Amino acid sequence: MTKSYKKMKRTEPLIRVRKSQMDEQIIFLTKIRDHKLQVVEAMRINQKQYMDGVDRLNNIRNSADRQNLEALERGLDVVKSKWYQLHVEVQNVENMEKAQVAQVLLAQKELKKVEKLKENYKSKFLQDLAQSEQKVQDEQTLAKYIRNQ
């Protein structure tokens, strides 16, 4: 076995580890994105509740019957506060998502480095193999030439 072959073989476990790391990063990114979708949906629902509440509040303000006006206003304040909390959470999740995308890209880059290294070792191994085969052929030709002399 040549050095280049041994080096090529030593990169295989490293490639498996790098692929595993990249897969873990992708799984985590998927979880972040799923959470983001849930929060965005909750924010959308909360926004609709707020808008419906504002419509009801405006209808009550325009009517002669103003019962429950204060309760509705307080309820709207709670809904608005929840909406804002969800908005902040969406921003935080988006920041986490951006950071995780960077981690995925880094893991992908590290994997490609090791794969390129393996390809370089493989190329060197094939070159050494070709040289070795050429040497054997040259020796056989020389031996044949010497016998025919």
C-alpha atoms as a PDB file:
ATOM      1  CA  MET A   1       0.000   0.000   0.000  1.00  0.00           C
ATOM      2  CA  THR A   2       1.265   3.415  -0.903  1.00  0.00           C
ATOM      3  CA  LYS A   3       1.182   6.468   1.342  1.00  0.00           C
ATOM      4  CA  SER A   4      -1.381   8.166  -0.851  1.00  0.00           C
ATOM      5  CA  TYR A   5      -3.688   5.127  -0.629  1.00  0.00           C
ATOM      6  CA  LYS A   6      -3.414   5.078   3.170  1.00  0.00           C
ATOM      7  CA  LYS A   7      -4.100   8.813   3.318  1.00  0.00           C
ATOM      8  CA  MET A   8      -7.091   8.387   1.008  1.00  0.00           C
ATOM      9  CA  LYS A   9      -8.509   5.642   3.234  1.00  0.00           C
ATOM     10  CA  ARG A  10      -7.961   7.728   6.399  1.00  0.00           C
ATOM     11  CA  THR A  11     -10.224  10.473   5.026  1.00  0.00           C
ATOM     12  CA  GLU A  12     -13.259   8.170   4.729  1.00  0.00           C
ATOM     13  CA  PRO A  13     -14.152   8.144   8.451  1.00  0.00           C
ATOM     14  CA  LEU A  14     -13.608  11.897   8.559  1.00  0.00           C
ATOM     15  CA  ILE A  15     -15.996  12.340   5.637  1.00  0.00           C
ATOM     16  CA  ARG A  16     -18.625  10.270   7.464  1.00  0.00           C
ATOM     17  CA  VAL A  17     -18.194  12.439  10.568  1.00  0.00           C
ATOM     18  CA  ARG A  18     -18.452  15.663   8.548  1.00  0.00           C
ATOM     19  CA  LYS A  19     -21.590  14.389   6.778  1.00  0.00           C
ATOM     20  CA  SER A  20     -23.091  13.481  10.131  1.00  0.00           C
ATOM     21  CA  GLN A  21     -22.289  16.939  11.507  1.00  0.00           C
ATOM     22  CA  MET A  22     -23.836  18.584   8.471  1.00  0.00           C
ATOM     23  CA  ASP A  23     -26.951  16.409   8.781  1.00  0.00           C
ATOM     24  CA  GLU A  24     -27.285  17.409  12.452  1.00  0.00           C
ATOM     25  CA  GLN A  25     -27.026  21.079  11.538  1.00  0.00           C
ATOM     26  CA  ILE A  26     -29.670  20.643   8.827  1.00  0.00           C
ATOM     27  CA  ILE A  27     -31.998  18.862  11.241  1.00  0.00           C
ATOM     28  CA  PHE A  28     -31.603  21.692  13.754  1.00  0.00           C
ATOM     29  CA  LEU A  29     -32.280  24.250  11.002  1.00  0.00           C
ATOM     30  CA  THR A  30     -35.437  22.348  10.053  1.00  0.00           C
ATOM     31  CA  LYS A  31     -36.617  22.457  13.680  1.00  0.00           C
ATOM     32  CA  ILE A  32     -35.986  26.205  13.819  1.00  0.00           C
ATOM     33  CA  ARG A  33     -37.943  26.723  10.605  1.00  0.00           C
ATOM     34  CA  ASP A  34     -40.839  24.595  11.873  1.00  0.00           C
ATOM     35  CA  HIS A  35     -40.927  26.658  15.072  1.00  0.00           C
ATOM     36  CA  LYS A  36     -40.835  29.846  13.020  1.00  0.00           C
ATOM     37  CA  LEU A  37     -43.854  28.694  10.999  1.00  0.00           C
ATOM     38  CA  GLN A  38     -45.762  27.979  14.205  1.00  0.00           C
ATOM     39  CA  VAL A  39     -44.956  31.386  15.675  1.00  0.00           C
ATOM     40  CA  VAL A  40     -45.831  33.188  12.441  1.00  0.00           C
ATOM     41  CA  GLU A  41     -49.157  31.337  12.319  1.00  0.00           C
ATOM     42  CA  ALA A  42     -49.873  32.242  15.951  1.00  0.00           C
ATOM     43  CA  MET A  43     -49.003  35.865  15.174  1.00  0.00           C
ATOM     44  CA  ARG A  44     -51.322  35.836  12.154  1.00  0.00           C
ATOM     45  CA  ILE A  45     -54.182  34.449  14.255  1.00  0.00           C
ATOM     46  CA  ASN A  46     -53.503  37.008  16.975  1.00  0.00           C
ATOM     47  CA  GLN A  47     -53.428  39.806  14.394  1.00  0.00           C
ATOM     48  CA  LYS A  48     -56.818  38.690  13.064  1.00  0.00           C
ATOM     49  CA  GLN A  49     -58.215  38.655  16.621  1.00  0.00           C
ATOM     50  CA  TYR A  50     -56.917  42.178  17.171  1.00  0.00           C
ATOM     51  CA  MET A  51     -58.324  43.484  13.905  1.00  0.00           C
ATOM     52  CA  ASP A  52     -61.717  41.857  14.603  1.00  0.00           C
ATOM     53  CA  GLY A  53     -61.647  43.381  18.089  1.00  0.00           C
ATOM     54  CA  VAL A  54     -60.877  46.819  16.696  1.00  0.00           C
ATOM     55  CA  ASP A  55     -63.837  46.480  14.318  1.00  0.00           C
ATOM     56  CA  ARG A  56     -66.137  45.494  17.215  1.00  0.00           C
ATOM     57  CA  LEU A  57     -64.761  48.338  19.317  1.00  0.00           C
ATOM     58  CA  ASN A  58     -65.389  50.852  16.539  1.00  0.00           C
ATOM     59  CA  ASN A  59     -68.922  49.544  16.081  1.00  0.00           C
ATOM     60  CA  ILE A  60     -69.607  49.920  19.807  1.00  0.00           C
ATOM     61  CA  ARG A  61     -68.118  53.426  19.856  1.00  0.00           C
ATOM     62  CA  ASN A  62     -70.398  54.438  16.972  1.00  0.00           C
ATOM     63  CA  SER A  63     -73.492  52.975  18.579  1.00  0.00           C
ATOM     64  CA  ALA A  64     -75.623  54.344  21.359  1.00  0.00           C
ATOM     65  CA  ASP A  65     -75.121  51.202  23.455  1.00  0.00           C
ATOM     66  CA  ARG A  66     -71.627  51.473  24.895  1.00  0.00           C
ATOM     67  CA  GLN A  67     -71.765  48.602  27.322  1.00  0.00           C
ATOM     68  CA  ASN A  68     -68.579  46.561  27.737  1.00  0.00           C
ATOM     69  CA  LEU A  69     -66.516  49.271  26.044  1.00  0.00           C
ATOM     70  CA  GLU A  70     -63.856  49.293  28.761  1.00  0.00           C
ATOM     71  CA  ALA A  71     -63.667  45.510  28.936  1.00  0.00           C
ATOM     72  CA  LEU A  72     -63.262  45.293  25.173  1.00  0.00           C
ATOM     73  CA  GLU A  73     -60.527  47.959  25.225  1.00  0.00           C
ATOM     74  CA  ARG A  74     -58.634  46.087  27.970  1.00  0.00           C
ATOM     75  CA  GLY A  75     -59.046  42.847  26.056  1.00  0.00           C
ATOM     76  CA  LEU A  76     -57.693  44.497  22.929  1.00  0.00           C
ATOM     77  CA  ASP A  77     -54.700  45.761  24.903  1.00  0.00           C
ATOM     78  CA  VAL A  78     -53.958  42.184  25.972  1.00  0.00           C
ATOM     79  CA  VAL A  79     -54.310  40.894  22.407  1.00  0.00           C
ATOM     80  CA  LYS A  80     -52.116  43.713  21.099  1.00  0.00           C
ATOM     81  CA  SER A  81     -49.469  42.941  23.724  1.00  0.00           C
ATOM     82  CA  LYS A  82     -49.512  39.253  22.772  1.00  0.00           C
ATOM     83  CA  TRP A  83     -49.239  40.203  19.101  1.00  0.00           C
ATOM     84  CA  TYR A  84     -46.170  42.310  19.859  1.00  0.00           C
ATOM     85  CA  GLN A  85     -44.599  39.471  21.901  1.00  0.00           C
ATOM     86  CA  LEU A  86     -45.130  37.112  18.979  1.00  0.00           C
ATOM     87  CA  HIS A  87     -43.615  39.663  16.603  1.00  0.00           C
ATOM     88  CA  VAL A  88     -40.498  39.878  18.800  1.00  0.00           C
ATOM     89  CA  GLU A  89     -40.343  36.082  18.970  1.00  0.00           C
ATOM     90  CA  VAL A  90     -40.524  35.849  15.164  1.00  0.00           C
ATOM     91  CA  GLN A  91     -37.586  38.246  14.919  1.00  0.00           C
ATOM     92  CA  ASN A  92     -35.611  36.181  17.437  1.00  0.00           C
ATOM     93  CA  VAL A  93     -36.376  32.961  15.592  1.00  0.00           C
ATOM     94  CA  GLU A  94     -35.347  34.582  12.295  1.00  0.00           C
ATOM     95  CA  ASN A  95     -32.025  35.567  13.868  1.00  0.00           C
ATOM     96  CA  MET A  96     -31.565  32.000  15.090  1.00  0.00           C
ATOM     97  CA  GLU A  97     -32.402  30.770  11.600  1.00  0.00           C
ATOM     98  CA  LYS A  98     -29.788  33.035  10.020  1.00  0.00           C
ATOM     99  CA  ALA A  99     -27.155  31.842  12.490  1.00  0.00           C
ATOM    100  CA  GLN A 100     -28.075  28.215  11.836  1.00  0.00           C
ATOM    101  CA  VAL A 101     -27.916  28.698   8.069  1.00  0.00           C
ATOM    102  CA  ALA A 102     -24.373  29.965   8.612  1.00  0.00           C
ATOM    103  CA  GLN A 103     -23.615  26.819  10.641  1.00  0.00           C
ATOM    104  CA  VAL A 104     -25.003  24.600   7.874  1.00  0.00           C
ATOM    105  CA  LEU A 105     -22.890  26.411   5.284  1.00  0.00           C
ATOM    106  CA  LEU A 106     -19.805  26.046   7.480  1.00  0.00           C
ATOM    107  CA  ALA A 107     -20.441  22.314   7.945  1.00  0.00           C
ATOM    108  CA  GLN A 108     -20.951  21.982   4.189  1.00  0.00           C
ATOM    109  CA  LYS A 109     -17.682  23.821   3.543  1.00  0.00           C
ATOM    110  CA  GLU A 110     -15.801  21.564   5.973  1.00  0.00           C
ATOM    111  CA  LEU A 111     -17.242  18.471   4.281  1.00  0.00           C
ATOM    112  CA  LYS A 112     -16.217  19.725   0.850  1.00  0.00           C
ATOM    113  CA  LYS A 113     -12.679  20.386   2.114  1.00  0.00           C
ATOM    114  CA  VAL A 114     -12.299  16.798   3.276  1.00  0.00           C
ATOM    115  CA  GLU A 115     -13.859  15.439   0.085  1.00  0.00           C
ATOM    116  CA  LYS A 116     -11.448  17.538  -1.972  1.00  0.00           C
ATOM    117  CA  LEU A 117      -8.555  16.251   0.127  1.00  0.00           C
ATOM    118  CA  LYS A 118      -9.691  12.691  -0.524  1.00  0.00           C
ATOM    119  CA  GLU A 119      -9.891  13.414  -4.250  1.00  0.00           C
ATOM    120  CA  ASN A 120      -6.354  14.817  -4.172  1.00  0.00           C
ATOM    121  CA  TYR A 121      -5.108  11.693  -2.388  1.00  0.00           C
ATOM    122  CA  LYS A 122      -7.005   9.518  -4.848  1.00  0.00           C
ATOM    123  CA  SER A 123      -5.487  11.386  -7.772  1.00  0.00           C
ATOM    124  CA  LYS A 124      -2.007  10.966  -6.267  1.00  0.00           C
ATOM    125  CA  PHE A 125      -2.706   7.272  -5.630  1.00  0.00           C
ATOM    126  CA  LEU A 126      -3.821   6.727  -9.235  1.00  0.00           C
ATOM    127  CA  GLN A 127      -0.749   8.584 -10.455  1.00  0.00           C
ATOM    128  CA  ASP A 128       1.500   6.415  -8.244  1.00  0.00           C
ATOM    129  CA  LEU A 129      -0.321   3.318  -9.470  1.00  0.00           C
ATOM    130  CA  ALA A 130       0.156   4.321 -13.107  1.00  0.00           C
ATOM    131  CA  GLN A 131       3.852   4.976 -12.480  1.00  0.00           C
ATOM    132  CA  SER A 132       4.182   1.619 -10.762  1.00  0.00           C
ATOM    133  CA  GLU A 133       2.467  -0.166 -13.633  1.00  0.00           C
ATOM    134  CA  GLN A 134       4.652   1.662 -16.123  1.00  0.00           C
ATOM    135  CA  LYS A 135       7.735   0.624 -14.147  1.00  0.00           C
ATOM    136  CA  VAL A 136       6.633  -3.038 -14.201  1.00  0.00           C
ATOM    137  CA  GLN A 137       5.967  -2.848 -17.945  1.00  0.00           C
ATOM    138  CA  ASP A 138       9.357  -1.238 -18.511  1.00  0.00           C
ATOM    139  CA  GLU A 139      11.058  -3.957 -16.476  1.00  0.00           C
ATOM    140  CA  GLN A 140       9.203  -6.675 -18.379  1.00  0.00           C
ATOM    141  CA  THR A 141      10.131  -5.099 -21.681  1.00  0.00           C
ATOM    142  CA  LEU A 142      13.750  -4.774 -20.585  1.00  0.00           C
ATOM    143  CA  ALA A 143      13.847  -8.385 -19.375  1.00  0.00           C
ATOM    144  CA  LYS A 144      12.305  -9.551 -22.633  1.00  0.00           C
ATOM    145  CA  TYR A 145      14.807  -7.494 -24.606  1.00  0.00           C
ATOM    146  CA  ILE A 146      17.719  -8.905 -22.592  1.00  0.00           C
ATOM    147  CA  ARG A 147      16.513 -12.505 -23.124  1.00  0.00           C
ATOM    148  CA  ASN A 148      16.216 -11.929 -26.858  1.00  0.00           C
ATOM    149  CA  GLN A 149      19.776 -10.640 -27.102  1.00  0.00           C
END
